[in-house]
């Protein structure tokens, strides 16, 4: 199956013969990291749920054209380099976290609330990952990586998550398919923890 060179995918949750989750899975199975945004009118669906399922973001229907154009603009400007520095605290939040800013229409209070939740929850998640590494629990570590890595896309920090993404993509396979998982995941945890502390010190 060929994945075209589109820059972004916008998918509904339920469609005839398929679903947004199936489309996301098919794209990720090709190894593509193209942004996949979910659109739905379900009242009980949240951004957090969409991120946990692996989507890049979530748009509530009916869709505001201004918000859609803002998201497309931010995706177009999104950095593509593998390594990048975390912006200093002199830059506006909209420059440092453009996807969050687009999703929440530049609402600084909401963005800071999300950043605070990230700082607190990621501390617990990283500690749990360390425990799973020390206990040699490969499958449980895979599940946790699957849950937490999508949110880093929203923080423009996906460059920190190569090991987490590898763990996620190796789900259903034995530990032998990723023999260096402990070493690489430990390095990723250290990098993410530094990022977490910088977010706390610079923006909260």
N, C-alpha and C. Protein backbone atom coordinates (compact mmCIF):
# COMPACT_ATOMS: atom_id res chain seq x y z
N UNK A 1 0.84 -1.20 0.00
CA UNK A 1 0.00 0.00 0.00
C UNK A 1 0.88 1.25 0.00
N UNK A 2 0.54 2.20 -0.85
CA UNK A 2 1.34 3.42 -0.97
C UNK A 2 0.70 4.55 -0.19
N UNK A 3 1.49 5.21 0.64
CA UNK A 3 1.03 6.41 1.34
C UNK A 3 1.52 7.61 0.55
N UNK A 4 0.61 8.46 0.13
CA UNK A 4 0.97 9.61 -0.69
C UNK A 4 1.78 10.61 0.12
N UNK A 5 2.26 11.63 -0.57
CA UNK A 5 3.11 12.62 0.09
C UNK A 5 2.28 13.79 0.60
N UNK A 6 1.14 13.51 1.19
CA UNK A 6 0.37 14.55 1.84
C UNK A 6 1.12 15.03 3.08
N UNK A 7 0.83 16.26 3.50
CA UNK A 7 1.48 16.83 4.67
C UNK A 7 0.70 16.57 5.95
N UNK A 8 -0.59 16.27 5.84
CA UNK A 8 -1.44 16.08 7.02
C UNK A 8 -2.66 15.25 6.62
N UNK A 9 -3.18 14.49 7.57
CA UNK A 9 -4.40 13.71 7.35
C UNK A 9 -5.45 14.17 8.35
N UNK A 10 -6.64 14.49 7.86
CA UNK A 10 -7.79 14.80 8.70
C UNK A 10 -8.81 13.69 8.50
N UNK A 11 -9.15 12.99 9.56
CA UNK A 11 -10.05 11.85 9.42
C UNK A 11 -11.21 11.93 10.40
N UNK A 12 -12.37 11.50 9.94
CA UNK A 12 -13.52 11.39 10.82
C UNK A 12 -13.35 10.14 11.68
N UNK A 13 -14.13 10.04 12.76
CA UNK A 13 -14.05 8.86 13.61
C UNK A 13 -14.74 7.66 12.96
N UNK A 14 -15.97 7.86 12.49
CA UNK A 14 -16.74 6.77 11.90
C UNK A 14 -17.07 7.09 10.45
N UNK A 15 -16.74 6.14 9.56
CA UNK A 15 -17.05 6.27 8.14
C UNK A 15 -17.52 4.92 7.62
N UNK A 16 -18.10 4.92 6.47
CA UNK A 16 -18.59 3.67 5.89
C UNK A 16 -17.43 2.73 5.59
N UNK A 17 -17.41 1.60 6.24
CA UNK A 17 -16.41 0.58 5.96
C UNK A 17 -15.09 0.75 6.67
N UNK A 18 -14.91 1.82 7.42
CA UNK A 18 -13.64 2.00 8.13
C UNK A 18 -13.84 2.98 9.28
N UNK A 19 -12.76 3.27 9.98
CA UNK A 19 -12.82 4.22 11.10
C UNK A 19 -11.54 5.02 11.14
N UNK A 20 -11.56 6.10 11.91
CA UNK A 20 -10.36 6.91 12.06
C UNK A 20 -9.22 6.13 12.66
N UNK A 21 -9.52 5.26 13.62
CA UNK A 21 -8.49 4.44 14.26
C UNK A 21 -7.83 3.50 13.26
N UNK A 22 -8.64 2.91 12.37
CA UNK A 22 -8.09 2.00 11.37
C UNK A 22 -7.20 2.73 10.38
N UNK A 23 -7.61 3.94 10.01
CA UNK A 23 -6.79 4.74 9.10
C UNK A 23 -5.46 5.10 9.77
N UNK A 24 -5.53 5.52 11.03
CA UNK A 24 -4.31 5.85 11.77
C UNK A 24 -3.38 4.64 11.84
N UNK A 25 -3.92 3.49 12.17
CA UNK A 25 -3.10 2.28 12.29
C UNK A 25 -2.45 1.92 10.96
N UNK A 26 -3.21 2.02 9.87
CA UNK A 26 -2.67 1.69 8.55
C UNK A 26 -1.53 2.61 8.17
N UNK A 27 -1.67 3.90 8.50
CA UNK A 27 -0.61 4.86 8.19
C UNK A 27 0.64 4.58 9.01
N UNK A 28 0.46 4.34 10.31
CA UNK A 28 1.61 4.10 11.19
C UNK A 28 2.33 2.80 10.85
N UNK A 29 1.59 1.82 10.34
CA UNK A 29 2.21 0.55 9.99
C UNK A 29 3.17 0.69 8.81
N UNK A 30 3.02 1.76 8.03
CA UNK A 30 3.95 2.00 6.93
C UNK A 30 5.24 2.67 7.42
N UNK A 31 5.24 3.10 8.69
CA UNK A 31 6.38 3.83 9.22
C UNK A 31 6.27 5.33 9.06
N UNK A 32 5.15 5.80 8.51
CA UNK A 32 4.97 7.23 8.29
C UNK A 32 4.63 7.95 9.59
N UNK A 33 5.23 9.13 9.79
CA UNK A 33 4.93 9.97 10.95
C UNK A 33 4.06 11.16 10.58
N UNK A 34 3.38 11.09 9.45
CA UNK A 34 2.52 12.18 9.01
C UNK A 34 1.51 12.52 10.10
N UNK A 35 1.25 13.81 10.37
CA UNK A 35 0.25 14.17 11.38
C UNK A 35 -1.13 13.66 10.99
N UNK A 36 -1.81 13.02 11.93
CA UNK A 36 -3.16 12.52 11.70
C UNK A 36 -4.09 13.13 12.75
N UNK A 37 -4.97 14.01 12.30
CA UNK A 37 -5.89 14.71 13.20
C UNK A 37 -7.27 14.06 13.11
N UNK A 38 -7.89 13.89 14.26
CA UNK A 38 -9.21 13.28 14.34
C UNK A 38 -10.29 14.35 14.40
N UNK A 39 -11.35 14.16 13.62
CA UNK A 39 -12.51 15.05 13.65
C UNK A 39 -13.73 14.24 14.10
N UNK A 40 -14.44 14.72 15.09
CA UNK A 40 -15.63 14.01 15.54
C UNK A 40 -16.58 14.95 16.25
N UNK A 41 -17.84 14.58 16.26
CA UNK A 41 -18.86 15.36 16.96
C UNK A 41 -19.27 14.71 18.27
N UNK A 42 -18.62 13.58 18.61
CA UNK A 42 -18.97 12.89 19.85
C UNK A 42 -18.69 13.79 21.06
N UNK A 43 -19.69 13.97 21.90
CA UNK A 43 -19.54 14.86 23.06
C UNK A 43 -18.58 14.32 24.10
N UNK A 44 -18.46 12.99 24.18
CA UNK A 44 -17.63 12.39 25.23
C UNK A 44 -16.18 12.21 24.81
N UNK A 45 -15.83 12.71 23.61
CA UNK A 45 -14.45 12.56 23.15
C UNK A 45 -13.65 13.78 23.57
N UNK A 46 -12.40 13.55 23.99
CA UNK A 46 -11.55 14.63 24.48
C UNK A 46 -10.22 14.62 23.76
N UNK A 47 -9.51 15.74 23.85
CA UNK A 47 -8.17 15.82 23.28
C UNK A 47 -7.25 14.79 23.91
N UNK A 48 -7.36 14.63 25.23
CA UNK A 48 -6.51 13.68 25.92
C UNK A 48 -6.73 12.25 25.41
N UNK A 49 -7.98 11.90 25.15
CA UNK A 49 -8.29 10.57 24.64
C UNK A 49 -7.73 10.38 23.24
N UNK A 50 -7.86 11.41 22.40
CA UNK A 50 -7.33 11.32 21.04
C UNK A 50 -5.82 11.14 21.05
N UNK A 51 -5.13 11.90 21.90
CA UNK A 51 -3.68 11.80 21.99
C UNK A 51 -3.26 10.42 22.50
N UNK A 52 -4.00 9.91 23.48
CA UNK A 52 -3.67 8.60 24.03
C UNK A 52 -3.83 7.50 22.99
N UNK A 53 -4.72 7.71 22.02
CA UNK A 53 -4.93 6.70 20.98
C UNK A 53 -3.95 6.86 19.82
N UNK A 54 -3.11 7.90 19.89
CA UNK A 54 -2.07 8.05 18.89
C UNK A 54 -2.30 9.12 17.85
N UNK A 55 -3.45 9.81 17.92
CA UNK A 55 -3.71 10.89 16.97
C UNK A 55 -2.85 12.10 17.32
N UNK A 56 -2.56 12.91 16.31
CA UNK A 56 -1.77 14.11 16.53
C UNK A 56 -2.57 15.17 17.25
N UNK A 57 -3.86 15.22 16.99
CA UNK A 57 -4.71 16.22 17.61
C UNK A 57 -6.17 15.89 17.39
N UNK A 58 -7.03 16.75 17.89
CA UNK A 58 -8.46 16.50 17.90
C UNK A 58 -9.21 17.78 17.56
N UNK A 59 -10.17 17.69 16.63
CA UNK A 59 -10.97 18.83 16.22
C UNK A 59 -12.44 18.49 16.43
N UNK A 60 -13.14 19.35 17.16
CA UNK A 60 -14.56 19.14 17.41
C UNK A 60 -15.39 19.61 16.23
N UNK A 61 -16.35 18.81 15.83
CA UNK A 61 -17.30 19.20 14.78
C UNK A 61 -18.54 19.82 15.42
N UNK A 62 -19.14 20.83 14.79
CA UNK A 62 -18.75 21.44 13.51
C UNK A 62 -17.43 22.20 13.63
N UNK A 63 -16.69 22.21 12.55
CA UNK A 63 -15.32 22.71 12.58
C UNK A 63 -15.29 24.21 12.27
N UNK A 64 -14.55 24.93 13.11
CA UNK A 64 -14.31 26.35 12.85
C UNK A 64 -13.25 26.47 11.76
N UNK A 65 -13.57 27.17 10.69
CA UNK A 65 -12.62 27.32 9.60
C UNK A 65 -11.37 28.05 10.05
N UNK A 66 -11.52 29.03 10.93
CA UNK A 66 -10.34 29.74 11.43
C UNK A 66 -9.41 28.81 12.19
N UNK A 67 -10.01 27.93 13.00
CA UNK A 67 -9.19 26.99 13.76
C UNK A 67 -8.50 26.00 12.82
N UNK A 68 -9.22 25.52 11.82
CA UNK A 68 -8.65 24.58 10.87
C UNK A 68 -7.48 25.21 10.12
N UNK A 69 -7.66 26.43 9.67
CA UNK A 69 -6.58 27.12 8.96
C UNK A 69 -5.38 27.36 9.88
N UNK A 70 -5.66 27.62 11.15
CA UNK A 70 -4.58 27.83 12.11
C UNK A 70 -3.78 26.54 12.31
N UNK A 71 -4.48 25.42 12.41
CA UNK A 71 -3.80 24.12 12.58
C UNK A 71 -2.95 23.81 11.35
N UNK A 72 -3.51 24.01 10.17
CA UNK A 72 -2.77 23.74 8.94
C UNK A 72 -1.53 24.63 8.84
N UNK A 73 -1.68 25.88 9.25
CA UNK A 73 -0.55 26.81 9.21
C UNK A 73 0.54 26.37 10.17
N UNK A 74 0.16 25.94 11.37
CA UNK A 74 1.15 25.53 12.37
C UNK A 74 1.84 24.24 11.94
N UNK A 75 1.11 23.32 11.33
CA UNK A 75 1.72 22.08 10.85
C UNK A 75 2.75 22.38 9.76
N UNK A 76 2.42 23.36 8.92
CA UNK A 76 3.33 23.72 7.84
C UNK A 76 4.64 24.29 8.38
N UNK A 77 4.55 25.02 9.51
CA UNK A 77 5.73 25.65 10.09
C UNK A 77 6.47 24.74 11.05
N UNK A 78 5.92 23.56 11.30
CA UNK A 78 6.48 22.66 12.30
C UNK A 78 7.91 22.25 11.94
N UNK A 79 8.86 22.36 12.86
CA UNK A 79 10.26 21.99 12.58
C UNK A 79 10.37 20.52 12.24
N UNK A 80 11.29 20.19 11.35
CA UNK A 80 11.49 18.81 10.94
C UNK A 80 12.84 18.25 11.35
N UNK A 81 13.72 19.05 11.91
CA UNK A 81 15.03 18.55 12.28
C UNK A 81 14.92 17.56 13.43
N UNK A 82 15.87 16.63 13.45
CA UNK A 82 15.84 15.58 14.47
C UNK A 82 16.12 16.15 15.84
N UNK A 83 17.08 17.05 15.93
CA UNK A 83 17.42 17.65 17.21
C UNK A 83 17.12 19.14 17.16
N UNK A 84 16.58 19.67 18.22
CA UNK A 84 16.33 21.10 18.29
C UNK A 84 16.35 21.51 19.75
N UNK A 85 16.73 22.75 19.99
CA UNK A 85 16.77 23.23 21.35
C UNK A 85 15.37 23.63 21.80
N UNK A 86 15.14 23.54 23.08
CA UNK A 86 13.89 24.02 23.64
C UNK A 86 13.95 25.53 23.67
N UNK A 87 12.95 26.23 23.13
CA UNK A 87 13.00 27.69 23.09
C UNK A 87 13.13 28.29 24.48
N UNK A 88 13.76 29.45 24.55
CA UNK A 88 13.93 30.12 25.82
C UNK A 88 12.64 30.74 26.31
N UNK A 89 12.64 31.15 27.56
CA UNK A 89 11.41 31.64 28.15
C UNK A 89 11.08 33.07 27.74
N UNK A 90 11.87 33.66 26.84
CA UNK A 90 11.55 34.99 26.35
C UNK A 90 10.57 34.96 25.18
N UNK A 91 10.36 33.76 24.61
CA UNK A 91 9.46 33.63 23.47
C UNK A 91 8.04 33.39 23.96
N UNK A 92 7.04 33.88 23.22
CA UNK A 92 5.65 33.63 23.60
C UNK A 92 5.34 32.14 23.55
N UNK A 93 4.35 31.72 24.34
CA UNK A 93 3.95 30.32 24.33
C UNK A 93 3.53 29.88 22.94
N UNK A 94 2.93 30.78 22.17
CA UNK A 94 2.47 30.42 20.83
C UNK A 94 3.63 30.04 19.92
N UNK A 95 4.83 30.63 20.17
CA UNK A 95 6.01 30.28 19.38
C UNK A 95 6.63 28.98 19.86
N UNK A 96 6.58 28.75 21.15
CA UNK A 96 7.23 27.58 21.72
C UNK A 96 6.39 26.31 21.58
N UNK A 97 5.06 26.47 21.64
CA UNK A 97 4.15 25.32 21.54
C UNK A 97 3.06 25.64 20.52
N UNK A 98 3.44 25.74 19.25
CA UNK A 98 2.49 26.20 18.23
C UNK A 98 1.29 25.28 18.04
N UNK A 99 1.47 23.98 18.18
CA UNK A 99 0.33 23.08 17.99
C UNK A 99 -0.68 23.22 19.12
N UNK A 100 -0.20 23.29 20.34
CA UNK A 100 -1.11 23.52 21.46
C UNK A 100 -1.82 24.86 21.29
N UNK A 101 -1.07 25.85 20.86
CA UNK A 101 -1.65 27.17 20.67
C UNK A 101 -2.74 27.14 19.61
N UNK A 102 -2.51 26.39 18.54
CA UNK A 102 -3.51 26.29 17.48
C UNK A 102 -4.74 25.53 17.96
N UNK A 103 -4.52 24.46 18.70
CA UNK A 103 -5.63 23.64 19.18
C UNK A 103 -6.54 24.41 20.12
N UNK A 104 -5.93 25.26 20.96
CA UNK A 104 -6.71 25.96 21.99
C UNK A 104 -6.81 27.45 21.73
N UNK A 105 -6.60 27.81 20.46
CA UNK A 105 -6.84 29.18 19.99
C UNK A 105 -6.12 30.22 20.85
N UNK A 106 -4.84 29.93 21.14
CA UNK A 106 -3.95 30.87 21.83
C UNK A 106 -4.42 31.21 23.25
N UNK A 107 -5.13 30.29 23.86
CA UNK A 107 -5.59 30.49 25.25
C UNK A 107 -4.44 30.13 26.19
N UNK A 108 -3.74 31.15 26.68
CA UNK A 108 -2.54 30.94 27.49
C UNK A 108 -2.83 30.16 28.76
N UNK A 109 -3.93 30.46 29.42
CA UNK A 109 -4.26 29.76 30.66
C UNK A 109 -4.46 28.27 30.43
N UNK A 110 -5.16 27.93 29.35
CA UNK A 110 -5.39 26.53 29.04
C UNK A 110 -4.09 25.82 28.70
N UNK A 111 -3.24 26.48 27.92
CA UNK A 111 -1.96 25.89 27.55
C UNK A 111 -1.11 25.64 28.79
N UNK A 112 -1.09 26.59 29.71
CA UNK A 112 -0.30 26.41 30.93
C UNK A 112 -0.87 25.28 31.79
N UNK A 113 -2.18 25.14 31.79
CA UNK A 113 -2.79 24.03 32.54
C UNK A 113 -2.36 22.69 31.96
N UNK A 114 -2.34 22.60 30.64
CA UNK A 114 -1.91 21.36 29.98
C UNK A 114 -0.44 21.09 30.25
N UNK A 115 0.38 22.14 30.21
CA UNK A 115 1.81 21.97 30.50
C UNK A 115 2.02 21.51 31.94
N UNK A 116 1.23 22.06 32.85
CA UNK A 116 1.33 21.64 34.25
C UNK A 116 0.96 20.17 34.41
N UNK A 117 -0.12 19.76 33.72
CA UNK A 117 -0.52 18.35 33.77
C UNK A 117 0.59 17.46 33.20
N UNK A 118 1.22 17.93 32.12
CA UNK A 118 2.31 17.16 31.52
C UNK A 118 3.47 17.00 32.49
N UNK A 119 3.87 18.10 33.13
CA UNK A 119 5.00 18.05 34.07
C UNK A 119 4.73 17.05 35.19
N UNK A 120 3.52 17.07 35.72
CA UNK A 120 3.19 16.19 36.85
C UNK A 120 3.04 14.74 36.42
N UNK A 121 2.29 14.51 35.34
CA UNK A 121 2.03 13.13 34.92
C UNK A 121 3.27 12.47 34.34
N UNK A 122 4.08 13.24 33.61
CA UNK A 122 5.27 12.64 33.00
C UNK A 122 6.30 12.24 34.05
N UNK A 123 6.33 12.95 35.17
CA UNK A 123 7.24 12.55 36.25
C UNK A 123 6.90 11.14 36.73
N UNK A 124 5.62 10.88 36.91
CA UNK A 124 5.18 9.55 37.35
C UNK A 124 5.42 8.51 36.26
N UNK A 125 5.14 8.88 35.01
CA UNK A 125 5.32 7.94 33.91
C UNK A 125 6.79 7.55 33.74
N UNK A 126 7.67 8.52 33.84
CA UNK A 126 9.10 8.24 33.68
C UNK A 126 9.61 7.35 34.81
N UNK A 127 9.13 7.60 36.01
CA UNK A 127 9.53 6.74 37.13
C UNK A 127 9.04 5.31 36.91
N UNK A 128 7.82 5.19 36.41
CA UNK A 128 7.27 3.86 36.14
C UNK A 128 8.08 3.16 35.05
N UNK A 129 8.48 3.90 34.02
CA UNK A 129 9.29 3.30 32.95
C UNK A 129 10.62 2.81 33.49
N UNK A 130 11.23 3.58 34.36
CA UNK A 130 12.50 3.15 34.96
C UNK A 130 12.31 1.84 35.74
N UNK A 131 11.21 1.75 36.46
CA UNK A 131 10.93 0.54 37.22
C UNK A 131 10.72 -0.66 36.30
N UNK A 132 10.04 -0.44 35.18
CA UNK A 132 9.80 -1.52 34.23
C UNK A 132 11.10 -1.98 33.57
N UNK A 133 11.99 -1.03 33.30
CA UNK A 133 13.30 -1.38 32.73
C UNK A 133 14.08 -2.23 33.73
N UNK A 134 14.11 -1.78 34.97
CA UNK A 134 14.86 -2.50 36.00
C UNK A 134 14.28 -3.88 36.27
N UNK A 135 12.97 -4.02 36.04
CA UNK A 135 12.30 -5.31 36.27
C UNK A 135 12.25 -6.17 35.01
N UNK A 136 12.82 -5.65 33.91
CA UNK A 136 12.86 -6.39 32.65
C UNK A 136 11.45 -6.72 32.14
N UNK A 137 10.53 -5.77 32.28
CA UNK A 137 9.14 -5.99 31.85
C UNK A 137 8.92 -5.30 30.51
N UNK A 138 9.31 -5.98 29.46
CA UNK A 138 9.29 -5.42 28.11
C UNK A 138 7.88 -5.07 27.65
N UNK A 139 6.94 -5.99 27.80
CA UNK A 139 5.59 -5.77 27.28
C UNK A 139 4.89 -4.63 28.02
N UNK A 140 5.07 -4.55 29.33
CA UNK A 140 4.43 -3.46 30.08
C UNK A 140 5.05 -2.12 29.70
N UNK A 141 6.35 -2.11 29.45
CA UNK A 141 7.01 -0.87 29.02
C UNK A 141 6.49 -0.45 27.64
N UNK A 142 6.24 -1.42 26.77
CA UNK A 142 5.68 -1.11 25.45
C UNK A 142 4.32 -0.42 25.58
N UNK A 143 3.48 -0.95 26.45
CA UNK A 143 2.15 -0.37 26.63
C UNK A 143 2.22 1.06 27.15
N UNK A 144 3.13 1.30 28.08
CA UNK A 144 3.27 2.64 28.63
C UNK A 144 3.81 3.61 27.59
N UNK A 145 4.77 3.16 26.80
CA UNK A 145 5.31 4.01 25.73
C UNK A 145 4.22 4.36 24.72
N UNK A 146 3.36 3.38 24.41
CA UNK A 146 2.25 3.61 23.48
C UNK A 146 1.33 4.70 24.00
N UNK A 147 1.13 4.73 25.30
CA UNK A 147 0.20 5.69 25.88
C UNK A 147 0.77 7.10 25.95
N UNK A 148 2.06 7.23 26.24
CA UNK A 148 2.58 8.56 26.55
C UNK A 148 3.24 9.29 25.39
N UNK A 149 3.75 8.56 24.39
CA UNK A 149 4.54 9.29 23.39
C UNK A 149 3.74 10.23 22.48
N UNK A 150 2.44 9.98 22.19
CA UNK A 150 1.75 10.90 21.27
C UNK A 150 1.69 12.34 21.77
N UNK A 151 1.65 12.54 23.09
CA UNK A 151 1.50 13.90 23.60
C UNK A 151 2.71 14.77 23.28
N UNK A 152 3.87 14.15 23.10
CA UNK A 152 5.07 14.93 22.83
C UNK A 152 5.00 15.63 21.48
N UNK A 153 4.19 15.10 20.57
CA UNK A 153 3.99 15.78 19.29
C UNK A 153 3.40 17.16 19.52
N UNK A 154 2.44 17.25 20.46
CA UNK A 154 1.80 18.52 20.75
C UNK A 154 2.76 19.53 21.36
N UNK A 155 3.83 19.03 21.97
CA UNK A 155 4.81 19.92 22.60
C UNK A 155 6.01 20.19 21.70
N UNK A 156 5.90 19.79 20.43
CA UNK A 156 7.02 19.92 19.49
C UNK A 156 8.28 19.24 20.03
N UNK A 157 8.09 18.12 20.70
CA UNK A 157 9.21 17.42 21.34
C UNK A 157 9.28 15.96 20.92
N UNK A 158 8.72 15.65 19.75
CA UNK A 158 8.73 14.26 19.32
C UNK A 158 10.14 13.74 19.05
N UNK A 159 11.11 14.68 18.87
CA UNK A 159 12.50 14.27 18.66
C UNK A 159 13.07 13.57 19.88
N UNK A 160 12.39 13.68 21.02
CA UNK A 160 12.85 13.01 22.24
C UNK A 160 12.33 11.58 22.34
N UNK A 161 11.46 11.20 21.43
CA UNK A 161 10.67 9.98 21.63
C UNK A 161 11.01 8.83 20.69
N UNK A 162 12.16 8.87 20.05
CA UNK A 162 12.49 7.80 19.11
C UNK A 162 12.40 6.42 19.77
N UNK A 163 12.94 6.30 20.97
CA UNK A 163 12.93 5.00 21.65
C UNK A 163 11.51 4.60 22.05
N UNK A 164 10.71 5.58 22.48
CA UNK A 164 9.33 5.29 22.86
C UNK A 164 8.53 4.82 21.65
N UNK A 165 8.78 5.46 20.50
CA UNK A 165 8.08 5.07 19.27
C UNK A 165 8.51 3.67 18.82
N UNK A 166 9.81 3.38 18.95
CA UNK A 166 10.28 2.03 18.62
C UNK A 166 9.61 1.00 19.51
N UNK A 167 9.49 1.31 20.79
CA UNK A 167 8.82 0.39 21.70
C UNK A 167 7.37 0.18 21.29
N UNK A 168 6.70 1.25 20.93
CA UNK A 168 5.30 1.16 20.53
C UNK A 168 5.15 0.30 19.28
N UNK A 169 6.02 0.52 18.31
CA UNK A 169 5.92 -0.20 17.04
C UNK A 169 6.34 -1.67 17.15
N UNK A 170 7.01 -2.00 18.24
CA UNK A 170 7.41 -3.40 18.43
C UNK A 170 6.38 -4.18 19.24
N UNK A 171 5.25 -3.54 19.55
CA UNK A 171 4.20 -4.25 20.29
C UNK A 171 3.73 -5.46 19.50
N UNK A 172 3.54 -6.56 20.22
CA UNK A 172 3.15 -7.80 19.57
C UNK A 172 4.32 -8.64 19.12
N UNK A 173 5.54 -8.10 19.29
CA UNK A 173 6.75 -8.83 18.93
C UNK A 173 7.57 -9.11 20.18
N UNK A 174 8.48 -10.02 20.07
CA UNK A 174 9.28 -10.40 21.23
C UNK A 174 10.38 -9.37 21.49
N UNK A 175 10.96 -9.46 22.66
CA UNK A 175 12.02 -8.56 23.07
C UNK A 175 13.23 -8.64 22.14
N UNK A 176 13.39 -9.77 21.48
CA UNK A 176 14.55 -9.96 20.59
C UNK A 176 14.50 -9.03 19.38
N UNK A 177 13.33 -8.47 19.07
CA UNK A 177 13.22 -7.55 17.94
C UNK A 177 13.77 -6.17 18.28
N UNK A 178 14.00 -5.92 19.55
CA UNK A 178 14.54 -4.63 20.00
C UNK A 178 15.52 -4.90 21.13
N UNK A 179 16.68 -5.48 20.81
CA UNK A 179 17.61 -5.94 21.85
C UNK A 179 18.19 -4.82 22.71
N UNK A 180 18.26 -3.60 22.18
CA UNK A 180 18.86 -2.49 22.94
C UNK A 180 17.82 -1.60 23.61
N UNK A 181 16.64 -2.14 23.84
CA UNK A 181 15.55 -1.30 24.32
C UNK A 181 15.84 -0.66 25.67
N UNK A 182 16.51 -1.38 26.55
CA UNK A 182 16.77 -0.83 27.88
C UNK A 182 17.71 0.37 27.80
N UNK A 183 18.78 0.23 27.04
CA UNK A 183 19.76 1.32 26.94
C UNK A 183 19.15 2.54 26.27
N UNK A 184 18.46 2.32 25.14
CA UNK A 184 17.90 3.45 24.40
C UNK A 184 16.76 4.12 25.16
N UNK A 185 15.96 3.32 25.83
CA UNK A 185 14.84 3.88 26.58
C UNK A 185 15.34 4.65 27.80
N UNK A 186 16.39 4.17 28.42
CA UNK A 186 16.97 4.89 29.56
C UNK A 186 17.50 6.25 29.13
N UNK A 187 18.16 6.31 27.98
CA UNK A 187 18.65 7.59 27.46
C UNK A 187 17.48 8.53 27.16
N UNK A 188 16.42 7.98 26.57
CA UNK A 188 15.25 8.80 26.25
C UNK A 188 14.61 9.35 27.52
N UNK A 189 14.53 8.53 28.54
CA UNK A 189 13.94 8.97 29.81
C UNK A 189 14.72 10.15 30.38
N UNK A 190 16.04 10.07 30.33
CA UNK A 190 16.88 11.16 30.84
C UNK A 190 16.64 12.45 30.05
N UNK A 191 16.52 12.33 28.73
CA UNK A 191 16.29 13.51 27.89
C UNK A 191 14.90 14.11 28.16
N UNK A 192 13.91 13.24 28.27
CA UNK A 192 12.55 13.72 28.53
C UNK A 192 12.45 14.37 29.89
N UNK A 193 13.16 13.81 30.86
CA UNK A 193 13.12 14.39 32.21
C UNK A 193 13.74 15.78 32.22
N UNK A 194 14.81 15.98 31.45
CA UNK A 194 15.41 17.32 31.35
C UNK A 194 14.43 18.28 30.69
N UNK A 195 13.76 17.81 29.65
CA UNK A 195 12.75 18.63 28.98
C UNK A 195 11.62 18.99 29.94
N UNK A 196 11.16 18.00 30.71
CA UNK A 196 10.09 18.22 31.68
C UNK A 196 10.47 19.31 32.68
N UNK A 197 11.70 19.24 33.17
CA UNK A 197 12.16 20.23 34.15
C UNK A 197 12.27 21.62 33.53
N UNK A 198 12.69 21.67 32.26
CA UNK A 198 12.79 22.97 31.59
C UNK A 198 11.41 23.59 31.39
N UNK A 199 10.44 22.76 31.03
CA UNK A 199 9.07 23.26 30.89
C UNK A 199 8.59 23.84 32.21
N UNK A 200 8.85 23.13 33.28
CA UNK A 200 8.41 23.58 34.61
C UNK A 200 9.09 24.89 35.00
N UNK A 201 10.40 24.97 34.76
CA UNK A 201 11.15 26.15 35.20
C UNK A 201 10.89 27.37 34.32
N UNK A 202 10.66 27.15 33.03
CA UNK A 202 10.55 28.27 32.11
C UNK A 202 9.13 28.77 31.91
N UNK A 203 8.14 27.90 32.13
CA UNK A 203 6.79 28.27 31.72
C UNK A 203 5.73 28.17 32.81
N UNK A 204 6.09 27.65 33.98
CA UNK A 204 5.07 27.47 35.02
C UNK A 204 5.43 28.25 36.29
